[in-house]
């Protein structure tokens, strides 16, 4: 694997992780807006309560 290929792969992996995190945040926000309690949202999404607090601000 060349250095350029390695960098490209690392960039793709980073982008995938960012996309997954964005999706988890969107799901958590929707759950909270639907009235699901914070503890359930934390358990389902794996986000912290601090993350949830930032979503609502």
PDB file of N, CA and C in Angstrom:
ATOM      1  N   UNK A   1       0.851  -1.175   0.000  1.00  0.00           N
ATOM      2  CA  UNK A   1       0.000   0.000   0.000  1.00  0.00           C
ATOM      3  C   UNK A   1       0.897   1.238   0.000  1.00  0.00           C
ATOM      4  N   UNK A   2       0.595   2.132  -0.919  1.00  0.00           N
ATOM      5  CA  UNK A   2       1.375   3.364  -0.980  1.00  0.00           C
ATOM      6  C   UNK A   2       0.916   4.328   0.113  1.00  0.00           C
ATOM      7  N   UNK A   3       1.723   5.329   0.346  1.00  0.00           N
ATOM      8  CA  UNK A   3       1.388   6.336   1.347  1.00  0.00           C
ATOM      9  C   UNK A   3       0.092   7.058   0.965  1.00  0.00           C
ATOM     10  N   UNK A   4      -0.070   7.358  -0.305  1.00  0.00           N
ATOM     11  CA  UNK A   4      -1.286   8.039  -0.766  1.00  0.00           C
ATOM     12  C   UNK A   4      -2.514   7.167  -0.527  1.00  0.00           C
ATOM     13  N   UNK A   5      -2.396   5.874  -0.785  1.00  0.00           N
ATOM     14  CA  UNK A   5      -3.514   4.956  -0.550  1.00  0.00           C
ATOM     15  C   UNK A   5      -3.852   4.873   0.935  1.00  0.00           C
ATOM     16  N   UNK A   6      -2.810   4.862   1.764  1.00  0.00           N
ATOM     17  CA  UNK A   6      -3.019   4.811   3.211  1.00  0.00           C
ATOM     18  C   UNK A   6      -3.757   6.059   3.681  1.00  0.00           C
ATOM     19  N   UNK A   7      -3.339   7.224   3.211  1.00  0.00           N
ATOM     20  CA  UNK A   7      -3.990   8.484   3.590  1.00  0.00           C
ATOM     21  C   UNK A   7      -5.446   8.499   3.121  1.00  0.00           C
ATOM     22  N   UNK A   8      -5.663   8.009   1.911  1.00  0.00           N
ATOM     23  CA  UNK A   8      -7.022   7.966   1.378  1.00  0.00           C
ATOM     24  C   UNK A   8      -7.902   7.069   2.251  1.00  0.00           C
ATOM     25  N   UNK A   9      -7.398   5.913   2.627  1.00  0.00           N
ATOM     26  CA  UNK A   9      -8.138   4.986   3.475  1.00  0.00           C
ATOM     27  C   UNK A   9      -8.427   5.608   4.841  1.00  0.00           C
ATOM     28  N   UNK A  10      -7.428   6.277   5.411  1.00  0.00           N
ATOM     29  CA  UNK A  10      -7.622   6.944   6.705  1.00  0.00           C
ATOM     30  C   UNK A  10      -8.687   8.032   6.596  1.00  0.00           C
ATOM     31  N   UNK A  11      -8.684   8.760   5.500  1.00  0.00           N
ATOM     32  CA  UNK A  11      -9.687   9.804   5.286  1.00  0.00           C
ATOM     33  C   UNK A  11     -11.088   9.226   5.157  1.00  0.00           C
ATOM     34  N   UNK A  12     -11.200   8.111   4.448  1.00  0.00           N
ATOM     35  CA  UNK A  12     -12.498   7.455   4.305  1.00  0.00           C
ATOM     36  C   UNK A  12     -13.010   6.953   5.649  1.00  0.00           C
ATOM     37  N   UNK A  13     -12.125   6.372   6.436  1.00  0.00           N
ATOM     38  CA  UNK A  13     -12.511   5.862   7.753  1.00  0.00           C
ATOM     39  C   UNK A  13     -12.955   6.999   8.671  1.00  0.00           C
ATOM     40  N   UNK A  14     -12.232   8.108   8.628  1.00  0.00           N
ATOM     41  CA  UNK A  14     -12.590   9.266   9.457  1.00  0.00           C
ATOM     42  C   UNK A  14     -13.951   9.814   9.035  1.00  0.00           C
ATOM     43  N   UNK A  15     -14.178   9.902   7.741  1.00  0.00           N
ATOM     44  CA  UNK A  15     -15.463  10.386   7.239  1.00  0.00           C
ATOM     45  C   UNK A  15     -16.608   9.475   7.638  1.00  0.00           C
ATOM     46  N   UNK A  16     -16.379   8.183   7.602  1.00  0.00           N
ATOM     47  CA  UNK A  16     -17.400   7.219   8.005  1.00  0.00           C
ATOM     48  C   UNK A  16     -17.745   7.392   9.476  1.00  0.00           C
ATOM     49  N   UNK A  17     -16.729   7.535  10.316  1.00  0.00           N
ATOM     50  CA  UNK A  17     -16.956   7.723  11.749  1.00  0.00           C
ATOM     51  C   UNK A  17     -17.727   9.015  12.019  1.00  0.00           C
ATOM     52  N   UNK A  18     -17.384  10.074  11.299  1.00  0.00           N
ATOM     53  CA  UNK A  18     -18.091  11.346  11.475  1.00  0.00           C
ATOM     54  C   UNK A  18     -19.551  11.209  11.061  1.00  0.00           C
ATOM     55  N   UNK A  19     -19.792  10.479   9.994  1.00  0.00           N
ATOM     56  CA  UNK A  19     -21.163  10.259   9.534  1.00  0.00           C
ATOM     57  C   UNK A  19     -21.977   9.455  10.531  1.00  0.00           C
ATOM     58  N   UNK A  20     -21.361   8.434  11.107  1.00  0.00           N
ATOM     59  CA  UNK A  20     -22.054   7.630  12.112  1.00  0.00           C
ATOM     60  C   UNK A  20     -22.392   8.465  13.340  1.00  0.00           C
ATOM     61  N   UNK A  21     -21.459   9.293  13.768  1.00  0.00           N
ATOM     62  CA  UNK A  21     -21.696  10.151  14.932  1.00  0.00           C
ATOM     63  C   UNK A  21     -22.826  11.142  14.646  1.00  0.00           C
ATOM     64  N   UNK A  22     -22.830  11.711  13.463  1.00  0.00           N
ATOM     65  CA  UNK A  22     -23.894  12.643  13.092  1.00  0.00           C
ATOM     66  C   UNK A  22     -25.245  11.936  13.117  1.00  0.00           C
ATOM     67  N   UNK A  23     -25.285  10.717  12.638  1.00  0.00           N
ATOM     68  CA  UNK A  23     -26.523   9.941  12.648  1.00  0.00           C
ATOM     69  C   UNK A  23     -27.013   9.668  14.057  1.00  0.00           C
ATOM     70  N   UNK A  24     -26.093   9.307  14.950  1.00  0.00           N
ATOM     71  CA  UNK A  24     -26.478   9.057  16.343  1.00  0.00           C
ATOM     72  C   UNK A  24     -27.040  10.322  16.986  1.00  0.00           C
ATOM     73  N   UNK A  25     -26.432  11.452  16.697  1.00  0.00           N
ATOM     74  CA  UNK A  25     -26.916  12.722  17.245  1.00  0.00           C
ATOM     75  C   UNK A  25     -28.308  13.067  16.713  1.00  0.00           C
ATOM     76  N   UNK A  26     -28.534  12.814  15.433  1.00  0.00           N
ATOM     77  CA  UNK A  26     -29.844  13.094  14.841  1.00  0.00           C
ATOM     78  C   UNK A  26     -30.919  12.193  15.443  1.00  0.00           C
ATOM     79  N   UNK A  27     -30.593  10.920  15.628  1.00  0.00           N
ATOM     80  CA  UNK A  27     -31.542   9.986  16.241  1.00  0.00           C
ATOM     81  C   UNK A  27     -31.845  10.413  17.671  1.00  0.00           C
ATOM     82  N   UNK A  28     -30.813  10.762  18.423  1.00  0.00           N
ATOM     83  CA  UNK A  28     -31.000  11.184  19.811  1.00  0.00           C
ATOM     84  C   UNK A  28     -31.879  12.427  19.881  1.00  0.00           C
ATOM     85  N   UNK A  29     -31.628  13.374  19.017  1.00  0.00           N
ATOM     86  CA  UNK A  29     -32.429  14.607  19.015  1.00  0.00           C
ATOM     87  C   UNK A  29     -33.889  14.287  18.724  1.00  0.00           C
ATOM     88  N   UNK A  30     -34.134  13.441  17.755  1.00  0.00           N
ATOM     89  CA  UNK A  30     -35.510  13.057  17.425  1.00  0.00           C
ATOM     90  C   UNK A  30     -36.183  12.352  18.593  1.00  0.00           C
ATOM     91  N   UNK A  31     -35.445  11.468  19.247  1.00  0.00           N
ATOM     92  CA  UNK A  31     -36.000  10.753  20.397  1.00  0.00           C
ATOM     93  C   UNK A  31     -36.383  11.724  21.506  1.00  0.00           C
ATOM     94  N   UNK A  32     -35.509  12.668  21.794  1.00  0.00           N
ATOM     95  CA  UNK A  32     -35.788  13.643  22.848  1.00  0.00           C
ATOM     96  C   UNK A  32     -36.997  14.507  22.497  1.00  0.00           C
ATOM     97  N   UNK A  33     -37.087  14.907  21.239  1.00  0.00           N
ATOM     98  CA  UNK A  33     -38.224  15.727  20.809  1.00  0.00           C
ATOM     99  C   UNK A  33     -39.541  14.959  20.872  1.00  0.00           C
ATOM    100  N   UNK A  34     -39.465  13.631  20.780  1.00  0.00           N
ATOM    101  CA  UNK A  34     -40.656  12.787  20.895  1.00  0.00           C
ATOM    102  C   UNK A  34     -41.015  12.496  22.346  1.00  0.00           C
ATOM    103  N   UNK A  35     -40.202  12.996  23.272  1.00  0.00           N
ATOM    104  CA  UNK A  35     -40.517  12.843  24.686  1.00  0.00           C
ATOM    105  C   UNK A  35     -39.918  11.624  25.357  1.00  0.00           C
ATOM    106  N   UNK A  36     -39.014  10.946  24.681  1.00  0.00           N
ATOM    107  CA  UNK A  36     -38.358   9.791  25.288  1.00  0.00           C
ATOM    108  C   UNK A  36     -37.362  10.299  26.323  1.00  0.00           C
ATOM    109  N   UNK A  37     -37.346   9.666  27.498  1.00  0.00           N
ATOM    110  CA  UNK A  37     -36.499  10.183  28.580  1.00  0.00           C
ATOM    111  C   UNK A  37     -35.013  10.037  28.257  1.00  0.00           C
ATOM    112  N   UNK A  38     -34.230  10.916  28.876  1.00  0.00           N
ATOM    113  CA  UNK A  38     -32.793  10.994  28.587  1.00  0.00           C
ATOM    114  C   UNK A  38     -32.065   9.683  28.847  1.00  0.00           C
ATOM    115  N   UNK A  39     -32.415   8.986  29.924  1.00  0.00           N
ATOM    116  CA  UNK A  39     -31.718   7.740  30.255  1.00  0.00           C
ATOM    117  C   UNK A  39     -31.894   6.703  29.147  1.00  0.00           C
ATOM    118  N   UNK A  40     -33.089   6.638  28.577  1.00  0.00           N
ATOM    119  CA  UNK A  40     -33.340   5.702  27.481  1.00  0.00           C
ATOM    120  C   UNK A  40     -32.537   6.101  26.250  1.00  0.00           C
ATOM    121  N   UNK A  41     -32.502   7.386  25.959  1.00  0.00           N
ATOM    122  CA  UNK A  41     -31.747   7.874  24.798  1.00  0.00           C
ATOM    123  C   UNK A  41     -30.260   7.572  24.974  1.00  0.00           C
ATOM    124  N   UNK A  42     -29.740   7.794  26.171  1.00  0.00           N
ATOM    125  CA  UNK A  42     -28.332   7.491  26.457  1.00  0.00           C
ATOM    126  C   UNK A  42     -28.063   6.007  26.232  1.00  0.00           C
ATOM    127  N   UNK A  43     -28.944   5.168  26.738  1.00  0.00           N
ATOM    128  CA  UNK A  43     -28.768   3.715  26.626  1.00  0.00           C
ATOM    129  C   UNK A  43     -28.817   3.253  25.169  1.00  0.00           C
ATOM    130  N   UNK A  44     -29.767   3.784  24.415  1.00  0.00           N
ATOM    131  CA  UNK A  44     -29.958   3.350  23.031  1.00  0.00           C
ATOM    132  C   UNK A  44     -28.858   3.867  22.107  1.00  0.00           C
ATOM    133  N   UNK A  45     -28.471   5.133  22.271  1.00  0.00           N
ATOM    134  CA  UNK A  45     -27.521   5.746  21.335  1.00  0.00           C
ATOM    135  C   UNK A  45     -26.063   5.607  21.748  1.00  0.00           C
ATOM    136  N   UNK A  46     -25.832   5.384  23.048  1.00  0.00           N
ATOM    137  CA  UNK A  46     -24.458   5.328  23.532  1.00  0.00           C
ATOM    138  C   UNK A  46     -23.842   6.700  23.746  1.00  0.00           C
ATOM    139  N   UNK A  47     -24.639   7.743  23.591  1.00  0.00           N
ATOM    140  CA  UNK A  47     -24.157   9.097  23.836  1.00  0.00           C
ATOM    141  C   UNK A  47     -24.178   9.381  25.331  1.00  0.00           C
ATOM    142  N   UNK A  48     -23.433  10.392  25.738  1.00  0.00           N
ATOM    143  CA  UNK A  48     -23.426  10.781  27.148  1.00  0.00           C
ATOM    144  C   UNK A  48     -24.555  11.781  27.406  1.00  0.00           C
ATOM    145  N   UNK A  49     -24.871  11.970  28.679  1.00  0.00           N
ATOM    146  CA  UNK A  49     -25.880  12.975  29.027  1.00  0.00           C
ATOM    147  C   UNK A  49     -25.399  14.369  28.637  1.00  0.00           C
ATOM    148  N   UNK A  50     -24.096  14.584  28.696  1.00  0.00           N
ATOM    149  CA  UNK A  50     -23.529  15.875  28.273  1.00  0.00           C
ATOM    150  C   UNK A  50     -23.786  16.104  26.786  1.00  0.00           C
ATOM    151  N   UNK A  51     -23.600  15.053  25.980  1.00  0.00           N
ATOM    152  CA  UNK A  51     -23.887  15.158  24.545  1.00  0.00           C
ATOM    153  C   UNK A  51     -25.345  15.549  24.323  1.00  0.00           C
ATOM    154  N   UNK A  52     -26.246  14.936  25.096  1.00  0.00           N
ATOM    155  CA  UNK A  52     -27.671  15.227  24.949  1.00  0.00           C
ATOM    156  C   UNK A  52     -27.977  16.669  25.337  1.00  0.00           C
ATOM    157  N   UNK A  53     -27.345  17.146  26.387  1.00  0.00           N
ATOM    158  CA  UNK A  53     -27.567  18.526  26.818  1.00  0.00           C
ATOM    159  C   UNK A  53     -27.167  19.507  25.725  1.00  0.00           C
ATOM    160  N   UNK A  54     -26.080  19.213  25.032  1.00  0.00           N
ATOM    161  CA  UNK A  54     -25.615  20.091  23.956  1.00  0.00           C
ATOM    162  C   UNK A  54     -26.585  20.075  22.776  1.00  0.00           C
ATOM    163  N   UNK A  55     -27.256  18.954  22.573  1.00  0.00           N
ATOM    164  CA  UNK A  55     -28.217  18.857  21.475  1.00  0.00           C
ATOM    165  C   UNK A  55     -29.391  19.806  21.661  1.00  0.00           C
ATOM    166  N   UNK A  56     -29.788  19.983  22.892  1.00  0.00           N
ATOM    167  CA  UNK A  56     -30.985  20.767  23.179  1.00  0.00           C
ATOM    168  C   UNK A  56     -30.703  22.249  23.341  1.00  0.00           C
ATOM    169  N   UNK A  57     -29.439  22.640  23.315  1.00  0.00           N
ATOM    170  CA  UNK A  57     -29.082  24.061  23.453  1.00  0.00           C
ATOM    171  C   UNK A  57     -28.892  24.707  22.109  1.00  0.00           C
TER     172      UNK A  57
END
